[in-house]
């Protein structure tokens, strides 16, 4: 039997929980292939950084927010997973420093504690992310995955993401861009 989980957007006052989950994610063995920063870099960030991050990606950030962080919470109140949706507008510079060619969504900061994998929790996080991006009237969503991160890539492909052919070498090594259209059911569902 799978434990029940709540999947919802974060709230601005939850910056401590956001920080703790990020630091936990950066301790995961896959972190060097998944995140653009190290545990040491994140742990050294001041409190105001985490407060700003929470305010900017929270449900209470307002209708013009360009980021939304979703969290999965186990029935005992433990935060066990997260994914962040970013709105990218054509002509803007993305998180990797490249110019965005086509408006769309970008998923970053994906993590699920190993004890909770295989229970459809990540499916629910991705549903929340794509629903929110679809409600922003965006045509597609993309993400980058390390070329050697086969486990993550299998999940993303199962979630409908396909290889766009874009390859680049970023700060964590060779990466592959995957994308999927946001369907009409994604648009307007939340």
Protein backbone atom coordinates (compact mmCIF):
# COMPACT_ATOMS: atom_id res chain seq x y z
CA UNK A 1 0.00 0.00 0.00
CA UNK A 2 1.30 3.45 -0.85
CA UNK A 3 1.22 6.17 1.75
CA UNK A 4 -0.93 9.18 0.96
CA UNK A 5 0.83 12.34 -0.16
CA UNK A 6 -0.23 15.92 -0.53
CA UNK A 7 1.15 17.72 -3.58
CA UNK A 8 0.77 21.48 -3.50
CA UNK A 9 2.54 24.77 -4.19
CA UNK A 10 4.83 26.09 -1.49
CA UNK A 11 3.92 29.13 0.58
CA UNK A 12 6.22 32.10 1.11
CA UNK A 13 6.60 31.51 4.85
CA UNK A 14 7.92 27.96 4.22
CA UNK A 15 11.44 29.05 3.32
CA UNK A 16 13.00 26.89 6.07
CA UNK A 17 11.35 23.75 4.69
CA UNK A 18 12.36 24.71 1.14
CA UNK A 19 15.96 25.15 2.28
CA UNK A 20 15.99 21.85 4.19
CA UNK A 21 14.58 19.91 1.22
CA UNK A 22 17.09 21.49 -1.16
CA UNK A 23 19.99 20.61 1.13
CA UNK A 24 18.66 17.05 1.42
CA UNK A 25 18.45 16.81 -2.37
CA UNK A 26 22.03 18.00 -2.71
CA UNK A 27 23.14 15.08 -0.49
CA UNK A 28 21.53 12.51 -2.82
CA UNK A 29 24.09 10.36 -4.69
CA UNK A 30 22.63 11.59 -8.01
CA UNK A 31 23.03 15.27 -7.06
CA UNK A 32 26.21 15.86 -9.12
CA UNK A 33 24.23 14.85 -12.24
CA UNK A 34 21.06 16.70 -11.28
CA UNK A 35 21.79 20.08 -9.71
CA UNK A 36 23.84 23.10 -10.71
CA UNK A 37 25.07 23.77 -7.19
CA UNK A 38 26.70 21.80 -4.43
CA UNK A 39 25.55 21.24 -0.87
CA UNK A 40 28.32 23.56 0.34
CA UNK A 41 27.23 26.37 -1.97
CA UNK A 42 23.57 26.08 -0.98
CA UNK A 43 24.31 25.74 2.75
CA UNK A 44 26.38 28.93 2.64
CA UNK A 45 23.52 31.01 1.20
CA UNK A 46 22.10 33.57 3.62
CA UNK A 47 18.59 33.41 5.05
CA UNK A 48 17.42 36.25 2.77
CA UNK A 49 18.26 34.16 -0.33
CA UNK A 50 15.91 31.41 0.86
CA UNK A 51 13.21 33.91 1.83
CA UNK A 52 13.41 35.49 -1.65
CA UNK A 53 13.31 32.09 -3.34
CA UNK A 54 10.23 31.12 -1.35
CA UNK A 55 8.45 34.43 -2.03
CA UNK A 56 9.14 34.25 -5.75
CA UNK A 57 7.89 30.70 -6.28
CA UNK A 58 5.08 30.47 -3.76
CA UNK A 59 1.35 30.25 -4.37
CA UNK A 60 1.10 33.64 -2.69
CA UNK A 61 3.54 35.22 -5.18
CA UNK A 62 0.60 36.61 -7.16
CA UNK A 63 -0.79 36.16 -10.65
CA UNK A 64 2.29 37.52 -12.40
CA UNK A 65 4.68 34.99 -10.83
CA UNK A 66 7.13 33.40 -13.27
CA UNK A 67 7.98 30.47 -10.99
CA UNK A 68 6.02 28.00 -8.93
CA UNK A 69 7.56 25.39 -6.65
CA UNK A 70 5.51 22.31 -5.87
CA UNK A 71 6.19 20.01 -2.95
CA UNK A 72 5.13 16.48 -2.04
CA UNK A 73 4.38 15.98 1.64
CA UNK A 74 3.98 12.54 3.22
CA UNK A 75 1.08 11.90 5.56
CA UNK A 76 3.40 12.40 8.56
CA UNK A 77 4.17 15.98 7.41
CA UNK A 78 7.63 15.20 6.00
CA UNK A 79 8.53 17.05 2.81
CA UNK A 80 9.75 14.31 0.46
CA UNK A 81 9.86 15.78 -3.05
CA UNK A 82 9.78 18.89 -5.16
CA UNK A 83 9.75 20.27 -8.69
CA UNK A 84 9.90 23.89 -9.84
CA UNK A 85 8.13 25.31 -12.88
CA UNK A 86 9.61 28.38 -14.56
CA UNK A 87 7.91 30.52 -17.20
CA UNK A 88 10.29 31.41 -20.02
CA UNK A 89 9.43 34.10 -22.54
CA UNK A 90 10.98 34.21 -26.01
CA UNK A 91 13.98 36.51 -26.02
CA UNK A 92 14.68 36.19 -22.30
CA UNK A 93 17.79 34.51 -20.93
CA UNK A 94 17.20 31.08 -19.35
CA UNK A 95 18.73 29.60 -16.20
CA UNK A 96 21.65 28.27 -18.27
CA UNK A 97 22.45 31.66 -19.80
CA UNK A 98 21.03 30.93 -23.28
CA UNK A 99 18.47 33.07 -25.07
CA UNK A 100 15.02 31.46 -25.05
CA UNK A 101 13.86 30.93 -28.63
CA UNK A 102 10.25 29.92 -27.92
CA UNK A 103 8.08 30.81 -24.94
CA UNK A 104 7.32 27.87 -22.71
CA UNK A 105 7.86 26.31 -19.34
CA UNK A 106 11.05 24.92 -17.89
CA UNK A 107 11.15 22.34 -15.09
CA UNK A 108 14.08 22.53 -12.65
CA UNK A 109 14.95 21.43 -9.13
CA UNK A 110 13.37 17.98 -9.41
CA UNK A 111 13.91 15.73 -6.40
CA UNK A 112 12.18 12.85 -4.65
CA UNK A 113 13.58 11.16 -1.55
CA UNK A 114 14.64 7.59 -2.44
CA UNK A 115 12.28 6.03 0.14
CA UNK A 116 9.30 7.50 -1.72
CA UNK A 117 10.24 6.60 -5.29
CA UNK A 118 8.07 4.15 -7.21
CA UNK A 119 4.84 5.37 -5.57
CA UNK A 120 3.64 7.75 -8.30
CA UNK A 121 4.63 10.77 -6.19
CA UNK A 122 6.76 12.21 -8.97
CA UNK A 123 3.89 11.65 -11.41
CA UNK A 124 1.73 13.85 -9.20
CA UNK A 125 4.42 16.52 -8.91
CA UNK A 126 4.78 16.63 -12.69
CA UNK A 127 1.02 16.80 -13.12
CA UNK A 128 0.96 19.84 -10.82
CA UNK A 129 3.86 21.46 -12.69
CA UNK A 130 2.35 20.92 -16.15
CA UNK A 131 -1.12 21.99 -15.00
CA UNK A 132 0.29 25.26 -13.66
CA UNK A 133 2.37 25.91 -16.77
CA UNK A 134 -0.61 25.09 -18.96
CA UNK A 135 -2.73 27.59 -17.02
CA UNK A 136 -0.11 30.18 -18.03
CA UNK A 137 -1.15 29.47 -21.65
CA UNK A 138 2.28 28.11 -22.57
CA UNK A 139 2.56 25.74 -25.54
CA UNK A 140 5.33 23.47 -24.24
CA UNK A 141 7.53 22.55 -21.33
CA UNK A 142 11.17 21.53 -21.38
CA UNK A 143 13.87 20.32 -19.04
CA UNK A 144 17.50 19.34 -19.15
CA UNK A 145 18.84 16.01 -17.97
CA UNK A 146 22.44 14.91 -17.58
CA UNK A 147 23.37 12.55 -20.40
CA UNK A 148 24.33 9.85 -17.88
CA UNK A 149 21.27 10.16 -15.63
CA UNK A 150 19.34 7.23 -17.10
CA UNK A 151 16.90 6.85 -14.18
CA UNK A 152 15.71 10.46 -14.44
CA UNK A 153 15.54 10.31 -18.22
CA UNK A 154 13.35 7.17 -18.09
CA UNK A 155 10.90 8.95 -15.80
CA UNK A 156 10.79 12.07 -17.99
CA UNK A 157 10.17 10.00 -21.11
CA UNK A 158 7.41 8.09 -19.32
CA UNK A 159 5.91 11.52 -18.50
CA UNK A 160 5.78 12.34 -22.22
CA UNK A 161 9.02 14.26 -22.65
CA UNK A 162 10.97 13.62 -25.86
CA UNK A 163 14.52 14.35 -26.93
CA UNK A 164 14.62 17.65 -28.85
CA UNK A 165 18.08 16.98 -30.29
CA UNK A 166 19.59 19.85 -28.29
CA UNK A 167 22.82 18.89 -26.56
CA UNK A 168 25.17 21.07 -24.57
CA UNK A 169 27.87 20.83 -21.98
CA UNK A 170 26.92 22.72 -18.84
CA UNK A 171 28.55 23.09 -15.47
CA UNK A 172 27.58 19.50 -14.54
CA UNK A 173 28.70 17.97 -17.83
CA UNK A 174 26.87 16.79 -20.96
CA UNK A 175 23.14 17.47 -20.94
CA UNK A 176 20.18 16.62 -23.14
CA UNK A 177 17.10 18.77 -23.61
CA UNK A 178 13.73 17.00 -23.41
CA UNK A 179 10.38 18.68 -24.10
CA UNK A 180 6.69 17.96 -24.44
CA UNK A 181 3.71 19.96 -25.57
CA UNK A 182 1.28 21.21 -22.97
CA UNK A 183 -2.06 19.82 -24.01
CA UNK A 184 -5.36 21.63 -23.91
CA UNK A 185 -6.19 19.62 -20.77
CA UNK A 186 -3.04 21.05 -19.12
CA UNK A 187 -4.15 24.57 -20.06
CA UNK A 188 -6.79 25.80 -17.72
CA UNK A 189 -6.88 22.78 -15.40
CA UNK A 190 -5.65 24.61 -12.33
